[in-house]
């Protein structure tokens, strides 16, 4: 067996996992819904083996919940799950914002400014805003330079996307989020570690309020 052939099964289940991941994020597979393995395998023309391997990957990421004798379900985060995820994201991303501000790298700030400018133009385009907003946050993490933090945040953000009441879905939240980004950009440009840290923490606290309709506990 050649090396390419040996890697084929792994490549297949990863491709299946990514396809399912996107279906979950796009709400083609709704939170709480049962995953019909036989139907998916038949639709995609694959055996159940790579599908089951893909489900294991998604279960590790928190996107799928495996139930004994009942099969796989798309995870539906509880109120506590959402609050815990936002709490951790606030801690990790506010720390990253402080690091980027303290570094004071003009090129890094320019990269973030370019993404922020896109947000300014997309404030009435929810899906585009959603995508650029995520790109902004991931770029900030990349610039902060801690791969472990980036990995943890990446997993948490996947779970956050499962929330039916994501903060950016709420009417008026895009405008509010953009205003918060302006405050953050001002702090980053000023090289103000404390202000950047606080701005990002407040951004997540406001996002949680918009998501749950109540203040953070």
C-alpha atoms as a PDB file:
ATOM      1  CA  UNK A   1       0.000   0.000   0.000  1.00  0.00           C
ATOM      2  CA  UNK A   2       1.440   3.366  -1.026  1.00  0.00           C
ATOM      3  CA  UNK A   3       1.653   6.292   1.465  1.00  0.00           C
ATOM      4  CA  UNK A   4      -1.073   8.143  -0.486  1.00  0.00           C
ATOM      5  CA  UNK A   5      -3.400   5.156  -0.272  1.00  0.00           C
ATOM      6  CA  UNK A   6      -2.684   4.753   3.434  1.00  0.00           C
ATOM      7  CA  UNK A   7      -3.739   8.354   4.089  1.00  0.00           C
ATOM      8  CA  UNK A   8      -6.943   8.175   2.040  1.00  0.00           C
ATOM      9  CA  UNK A   9      -9.285   6.975   4.858  1.00  0.00           C
ATOM     10  CA  UNK A  10      -8.058   9.744   7.170  1.00  0.00           C
ATOM     11  CA  UNK A  11      -8.535  12.368   4.455  1.00  0.00           C
ATOM     12  CA  UNK A  12     -12.057  11.099   3.802  1.00  0.00           C
ATOM     13  CA  UNK A  13     -13.319  11.280   7.375  1.00  0.00           C
ATOM     14  CA  UNK A  14     -11.787  14.734   7.777  1.00  0.00           C
ATOM     15  CA  UNK A  15     -13.586  15.865   4.627  1.00  0.00           C
ATOM     16  CA  UNK A  16     -16.821  14.388   5.956  1.00  0.00           C
ATOM     17  CA  UNK A  17     -16.270  16.102   9.316  1.00  0.00           C
ATOM     18  CA  UNK A  18     -15.767  19.470   7.624  1.00  0.00           C
ATOM     19  CA  UNK A  19     -18.877  19.007   5.485  1.00  0.00           C
ATOM     20  CA  UNK A  20     -20.965  18.168   8.551  1.00  0.00           C
ATOM     21  CA  UNK A  21     -19.389  21.040  10.486  1.00  0.00           C
ATOM     22  CA  UNK A  22     -20.520  23.498   7.829  1.00  0.00           C
ATOM     23  CA  UNK A  23     -24.010  21.982   7.731  1.00  0.00           C
ATOM     24  CA  UNK A  24     -24.239  22.464  11.486  1.00  0.00           C
ATOM     25  CA  UNK A  25     -23.023  26.073  11.306  1.00  0.00           C
ATOM     26  CA  UNK A  26     -25.432  26.795   8.421  1.00  0.00           C
ATOM     27  CA  UNK A  27     -28.336  25.265  10.400  1.00  0.00           C
ATOM     28  CA  UNK A  28     -28.855  22.554   7.776  1.00  0.00           C
ATOM     29  CA  UNK A  29     -28.401  20.269  10.782  1.00  0.00           C
ATOM     30  CA  UNK A  30     -30.245  22.048  13.582  1.00  0.00           C
ATOM     31  CA  UNK A  31     -29.075  22.070  17.228  1.00  0.00           C
ATOM     32  CA  UNK A  32     -30.790  19.224  19.053  1.00  0.00           C
ATOM     33  CA  UNK A  33     -31.572  17.280  15.873  1.00  0.00           C
ATOM     34  CA  UNK A  34     -30.803  13.592  15.409  1.00  0.00           C
ATOM     35  CA  UNK A  35     -28.168  12.791  12.794  1.00  0.00           C
ATOM     36  CA  UNK A  36     -29.414  10.134  10.386  1.00  0.00           C
ATOM     37  CA  UNK A  37     -26.185   8.256   9.642  1.00  0.00           C
ATOM     38  CA  UNK A  38     -27.715   5.937   7.042  1.00  0.00           C
ATOM     39  CA  UNK A  39     -29.250   8.814   5.125  1.00  0.00           C
ATOM     40  CA  UNK A  40     -26.054  10.881   5.133  1.00  0.00           C
ATOM     41  CA  UNK A  41     -23.916   7.921   4.100  1.00  0.00           C
ATOM     42  CA  UNK A  42     -26.273   7.177   1.212  1.00  0.00           C
ATOM     43  CA  UNK A  43     -26.476  10.833   0.166  1.00  0.00           C
ATOM     44  CA  UNK A  44     -22.695  11.226   0.088  1.00  0.00           C
ATOM     45  CA  UNK A  45     -22.003   7.775  -1.345  1.00  0.00           C
ATOM     46  CA  UNK A  46     -19.763   6.656   1.509  1.00  0.00           C
ATOM     47  CA  UNK A  47     -19.726   3.844   4.049  1.00  0.00           C
ATOM     48  CA  UNK A  48     -20.655   4.487   7.663  1.00  0.00           C
ATOM     49  CA  UNK A  49     -17.040   3.997   8.810  1.00  0.00           C
ATOM     50  CA  UNK A  50     -15.696   7.446   7.761  1.00  0.00           C
ATOM     51  CA  UNK A  51     -18.992   8.987   8.881  1.00  0.00           C
ATOM     52  CA  UNK A  52     -18.629   7.523  12.364  1.00  0.00           C
ATOM     53  CA  UNK A  53     -15.007   8.674  12.528  1.00  0.00           C
ATOM     54  CA  UNK A  54     -16.149  12.155  11.539  1.00  0.00           C
ATOM     55  CA  UNK A  55     -18.789  12.102  14.278  1.00  0.00           C
ATOM     56  CA  UNK A  56     -16.088  11.285  16.833  1.00  0.00           C
ATOM     57  CA  UNK A  57     -14.135  14.348  15.707  1.00  0.00           C
ATOM     58  CA  UNK A  58     -17.198  16.576  15.984  1.00  0.00           C
ATOM     59  CA  UNK A  59     -18.047  15.099  19.385  1.00  0.00           C
ATOM     60  CA  UNK A  60     -14.549  16.023  20.602  1.00  0.00           C
ATOM     61  CA  UNK A  61     -15.149  19.587  19.386  1.00  0.00           C
ATOM     62  CA  UNK A  62     -18.448  19.713  21.255  1.00  0.00           C
ATOM     63  CA  UNK A  63     -20.553  20.053  18.104  1.00  0.00           C
ATOM     64  CA  UNK A  64     -22.075  16.576  18.361  1.00  0.00           C
ATOM     65  CA  UNK A  65     -23.370  14.673  21.379  1.00  0.00           C
ATOM     66  CA  UNK A  66     -23.274  10.870  21.323  1.00  0.00           C
ATOM     67  CA  UNK A  67     -26.122   9.211  23.230  1.00  0.00           C
ATOM     68  CA  UNK A  68     -26.027   5.541  24.203  1.00  0.00           C
ATOM     69  CA  UNK A  69     -28.354   3.421  22.030  1.00  0.00           C
ATOM     70  CA  UNK A  70     -29.808   6.590  20.518  1.00  0.00           C
ATOM     71  CA  UNK A  71     -27.068   7.728  18.157  1.00  0.00           C
ATOM     72  CA  UNK A  72     -25.580  11.131  17.427  1.00  0.00           C
ATOM     73  CA  UNK A  73     -27.289  14.492  17.921  1.00  0.00           C
ATOM     74  CA  UNK A  74     -26.221  18.035  17.079  1.00  0.00           C
ATOM     75  CA  UNK A  75     -25.341  19.607  20.408  1.00  0.00           C
ATOM     76  CA  UNK A  76     -27.826  22.136  21.746  1.00  0.00           C
ATOM     77  CA  UNK A  77     -25.999  24.360  24.267  1.00  0.00           C
ATOM     78  CA  UNK A  78     -27.763  25.074  27.532  1.00  0.00           C
ATOM     79  CA  UNK A  79     -27.940  28.551  29.059  1.00  0.00           C
ATOM     80  CA  UNK A  80     -25.093  27.560  31.377  1.00  0.00           C
ATOM     81  CA  UNK A  81     -23.030  26.329  28.411  1.00  0.00           C
ATOM     82  CA  UNK A  82     -23.424  29.662  26.635  1.00  0.00           C
ATOM     83  CA  UNK A  83     -22.540  31.674  29.724  1.00  0.00           C
ATOM     84  CA  UNK A  84     -19.455  29.553  30.388  1.00  0.00           C
ATOM     85  CA  UNK A  85     -18.267  29.827  26.790  1.00  0.00           C
ATOM     86  CA  UNK A  86     -18.664  33.608  26.739  1.00  0.00           C
ATOM     87  CA  UNK A  87     -16.898  33.884  30.104  1.00  0.00           C
ATOM     88  CA  UNK A  88     -13.863  31.976  28.841  1.00  0.00           C
ATOM     89  CA  UNK A  89     -13.803  33.835  25.524  1.00  0.00           C
ATOM     90  CA  UNK A  90     -13.888  37.141  27.399  1.00  0.00           C
ATOM     91  CA  UNK A  91     -10.880  36.114  29.499  1.00  0.00           C
ATOM     92  CA  UNK A  92      -8.822  34.718  26.630  1.00  0.00           C
ATOM     93  CA  UNK A  93      -9.579  37.312  23.978  1.00  0.00           C
ATOM     94  CA  UNK A  94      -9.299  40.300  26.313  1.00  0.00           C
ATOM     95  CA  UNK A  95      -5.856  39.026  27.282  1.00  0.00           C
ATOM     96  CA  UNK A  96      -4.949  38.747  23.589  1.00  0.00           C
ATOM     97  CA  UNK A  97      -6.169  42.297  22.933  1.00  0.00           C
ATOM     98  CA  UNK A  98      -3.983  43.574  25.745  1.00  0.00           C
ATOM     99  CA  UNK A  99      -0.967  41.759  24.313  1.00  0.00           C
ATOM    100  CA  UNK A 100      -1.490  43.213  20.831  1.00  0.00           C
ATOM    101  CA  UNK A 101      -1.899  46.724  22.245  1.00  0.00           C
ATOM    102  CA  UNK A 102       1.261  46.377  24.345  1.00  0.00           C
ATOM    103  CA  UNK A 103       3.284  45.183  21.364  1.00  0.00           C
ATOM    104  CA  UNK A 104       2.364  48.355  19.481  1.00  0.00           C
ATOM    105  CA  UNK A 105       3.178  46.820  16.087  1.00  0.00           C
ATOM    106  CA  UNK A 106       1.970  49.287  13.401  1.00  0.00           C
ATOM    107  CA  UNK A 107       1.659  46.561  10.735  1.00  0.00           C
ATOM    108  CA  UNK A 108      -0.473  44.429  13.047  1.00  0.00           C
ATOM    109  CA  UNK A 109      -2.744  47.360  13.817  1.00  0.00           C
ATOM    110  CA  UNK A 110      -3.098  48.086  10.100  1.00  0.00           C
ATOM    111  CA  UNK A 111      -4.241  44.493   9.479  1.00  0.00           C
ATOM    112  CA  UNK A 112      -6.883  44.832  12.167  1.00  0.00           C
ATOM    113  CA  UNK A 113      -7.899  48.268  10.890  1.00  0.00           C
ATOM    114  CA  UNK A 114      -8.479  46.820   7.414  1.00  0.00           C
ATOM    115  CA  UNK A 115     -10.851  44.220   8.862  1.00  0.00           C
ATOM    116  CA  UNK A 116     -12.549  46.853  10.999  1.00  0.00           C
ATOM    117  CA  UNK A 117     -13.088  49.002   7.901  1.00  0.00           C
ATOM    118  CA  UNK A 118     -14.869  46.030   6.305  1.00  0.00           C
ATOM    119  CA  UNK A 119     -17.146  45.813   9.343  1.00  0.00           C
ATOM    120  CA  UNK A 120     -17.983  49.493   8.942  1.00  0.00           C
ATOM    121  CA  UNK A 121     -19.127  48.794   5.392  1.00  0.00           C
ATOM    122  CA  UNK A 122     -21.011  45.614   6.290  1.00  0.00           C
ATOM    123  CA  UNK A 123     -23.050  46.808   9.263  1.00  0.00           C
ATOM    124  CA  UNK A 124     -26.304  46.236   7.317  1.00  0.00           C
ATOM    125  CA  UNK A 125     -25.176  42.883   5.898  1.00  0.00           C
ATOM    126  CA  UNK A 126     -25.519  40.392   8.748  1.00  0.00           C
ATOM    127  CA  UNK A 127     -23.877  37.336   7.180  1.00  0.00           C
ATOM    128  CA  UNK A 128     -20.940  39.322   5.788  1.00  0.00           C
ATOM    129  CA  UNK A 129     -20.553  41.144   9.110  1.00  0.00           C
ATOM    130  CA  UNK A 130     -20.641  37.826  10.970  1.00  0.00           C
ATOM    131  CA  UNK A 131     -17.847  36.403   8.786  1.00  0.00           C
ATOM    132  CA  UNK A 132     -15.623  39.495   8.971  1.00  0.00           C
ATOM    133  CA  UNK A 133     -16.197  39.825  12.696  1.00  0.00           C
ATOM    134  CA  UNK A 134     -14.901  36.303  13.224  1.00  0.00           C
ATOM    135  CA  UNK A 135     -11.934  37.002  10.945  1.00  0.00           C
ATOM    136  CA  UNK A 136     -11.125  40.099  13.036  1.00  0.00           C
ATOM    137  CA  UNK A 137     -11.131  38.155  16.295  1.00  0.00           C
ATOM    138  CA  UNK A 138      -9.056  35.308  14.859  1.00  0.00           C
ATOM    139  CA  UNK A 139      -6.543  37.756  13.365  1.00  0.00           C
ATOM    140  CA  UNK A 140      -6.161  39.462  16.731  1.00  0.00           C
ATOM    141  CA  UNK A 141      -5.463  36.085  18.342  1.00  0.00           C
ATOM    142  CA  UNK A 142      -2.914  35.271  15.646  1.00  0.00           C
ATOM    143  CA  UNK A 143      -1.148  38.593  16.208  1.00  0.00           C
ATOM    144  CA  UNK A 144      -1.088  38.023  19.977  1.00  0.00           C
ATOM    145  CA  UNK A 145       0.977  34.912  19.260  1.00  0.00           C
ATOM    146  CA  UNK A 146      -0.101  32.191  21.688  1.00  0.00           C
ATOM    147  CA  UNK A 147      -1.055  29.061  19.733  1.00  0.00           C
ATOM    148  CA  UNK A 148      -2.579  27.338  22.767  1.00  0.00           C
ATOM    149  CA  UNK A 149      -4.904  30.247  23.397  1.00  0.00           C
ATOM    150  CA  UNK A 150      -5.799  30.320  19.696  1.00  0.00           C
ATOM    151  CA  UNK A 151      -6.595  26.608  19.717  1.00  0.00           C
ATOM    152  CA  UNK A 152      -8.819  26.857  22.792  1.00  0.00           C
ATOM    153  CA  UNK A 153     -10.659  29.897  21.445  1.00  0.00           C
ATOM    154  CA  UNK A 154     -11.179  28.138  18.118  1.00  0.00           C
ATOM    155  CA  UNK A 155     -12.951  25.254  19.858  1.00  0.00           C
ATOM    156  CA  UNK A 156     -15.025  27.593  22.027  1.00  0.00           C
ATOM    157  CA  UNK A 157     -16.122  29.612  19.018  1.00  0.00           C
ATOM    158  CA  UNK A 158     -17.389  26.457  17.325  1.00  0.00           C
ATOM    159  CA  UNK A 159     -19.648  25.806  20.301  1.00  0.00           C
ATOM    160  CA  UNK A 160     -20.723  29.460  20.336  1.00  0.00           C
ATOM    161  CA  UNK A 161     -21.977  29.094  16.749  1.00  0.00           C
ATOM    162  CA  UNK A 162     -24.424  26.432  17.932  1.00  0.00           C
ATOM    163  CA  UNK A 163     -26.333  28.958  20.013  1.00  0.00           C
ATOM    164  CA  UNK A 164     -29.736  29.582  18.442  1.00  0.00           C
ATOM    165  CA  UNK A 165     -29.768  33.076  19.946  1.00  0.00           C
ATOM    166  CA  UNK A 166     -26.277  34.199  18.916  1.00  0.00           C
ATOM    167  CA  UNK A 167     -25.817  37.832  19.882  1.00  0.00           C
ATOM    168  CA  UNK A 168     -25.328  39.038  16.293  1.00  0.00           C
ATOM    169  CA  UNK A 169     -28.756  37.681  15.382  1.00  0.00           C
ATOM    170  CA  UNK A 170     -30.461  40.161  17.705  1.00  0.00           C
ATOM    171  CA  UNK A 171     -31.864  43.323  16.156  1.00  0.00           C
ATOM    172  CA  UNK A 172     -29.569  46.306  16.679  1.00  0.00           C
ATOM    173  CA  UNK A 173     -26.647  44.201  17.864  1.00  0.00           C
ATOM    174  CA  UNK A 174     -24.546  44.736  14.724  1.00  0.00           C
ATOM    175  CA  UNK A 175     -24.510  48.487  15.263  1.00  0.00           C
ATOM    176  CA  UNK A 176     -23.694  48.063  18.938  1.00  0.00           C
ATOM    177  CA  UNK A 177     -20.963  45.534  18.187  1.00  0.00           C
ATOM    178  CA  UNK A 178     -19.415  47.905  15.643  1.00  0.00           C
ATOM    179  CA  UNK A 179     -19.357  50.709  18.223  1.00  0.00           C
ATOM    180  CA  UNK A 180     -17.551  48.389  20.638  1.00  0.00           C
ATOM    181  CA  UNK A 181     -15.025  47.523  17.925  1.00  0.00           C
ATOM    182  CA  UNK A 182     -14.343  51.238  17.453  1.00  0.00           C
ATOM    183  CA  UNK A 183     -13.506  51.577  21.141  1.00  0.00           C
ATOM    184  CA  UNK A 184     -11.235  48.541  20.893  1.00  0.00           C
ATOM    185  CA  UNK A 185      -9.455  49.884  17.809  1.00  0.00           C
ATOM    186  CA  UNK A 186      -8.889  53.210  19.535  1.00  0.00           C
ATOM    187  CA  UNK A 187      -7.236  51.430  22.474  1.00  0.00           C
ATOM    188  CA  UNK A 188      -5.129  49.235  20.175  1.00  0.00           C
ATOM    189  CA  UNK A 189      -3.889  52.237  18.201  1.00  0.00           C
ATOM    190  CA  UNK A 190      -3.044  54.047  21.426  1.00  0.00           C
ATOM    191  CA  UNK A 191      -1.065  51.043  22.633  1.00  0.00           C
ATOM    192  CA  UNK A 192      -3.143  51.057  25.806  1.00  0.00           C
ATOM    193  CA  UNK A 193      -2.960  47.559  27.286  1.00  0.00           C
ATOM    194  CA  UNK A 194      -5.508  48.167  30.039  1.00  0.00           C
ATOM    195  CA  UNK A 195      -8.038  49.911  27.786  1.00  0.00           C
ATOM    196  CA  UNK A 196      -7.779  47.244  25.074  1.00  0.00           C
ATOM    197  CA  UNK A 197      -8.228  44.480  27.636  1.00  0.00           C
ATOM    198  CA  UNK A 198     -11.266  46.199  29.139  1.00  0.00           C
ATOM    199  CA  UNK A 199     -12.776  47.005  25.729  1.00  0.00           C
ATOM    200  CA  UNK A 200     -12.653  43.364  24.637  1.00  0.00           C
ATOM    201  CA  UNK A 201     -14.000  42.113  27.964  1.00  0.00           C
ATOM    202  CA  UNK A 202     -16.891  44.581  27.745  1.00  0.00           C
ATOM    203  CA  UNK A 203     -17.510  43.497  24.158  1.00  0.00           C
ATOM    204  CA  UNK A 204     -18.110  39.917  25.290  1.00  0.00           C
ATOM    205  CA  UNK A 205     -20.157  40.937  28.309  1.00  0.00           C
ATOM    206  CA  UNK A 206     -22.450  42.947  26.029  1.00  0.00           C
ATOM    207  CA  UNK A 207     -22.608  40.046  23.587  1.00  0.00           C
ATOM    208  CA  UNK A 208     -23.766  37.721  26.342  1.00  0.00           C
ATOM    209  CA  UNK A 209     -26.416  40.210  27.445  1.00  0.00           C
ATOM    210  CA  UNK A 210     -27.642  40.442  23.835  1.00  0.00           C
ATOM    211  CA  UNK A 211     -27.688  36.645  23.602  1.00  0.00           C
ATOM    212  CA  UNK A 212     -29.475  35.844  26.847  1.00  0.00           C
ATOM    213  CA  UNK A 213     -31.502  38.994  27.282  1.00  0.00           C
ATOM    214  CA  UNK A 214     -30.163  39.405  30.795  1.00  0.00           C
ATOM    215  CA  UNK A 215     -27.014  40.597  32.499  1.00  0.00           C
ATOM    216  CA  UNK A 216     -24.103  38.300  33.134  1.00  0.00           C
ATOM    217  CA  UNK A 217     -24.368  36.487  36.428  1.00  0.00           C
END
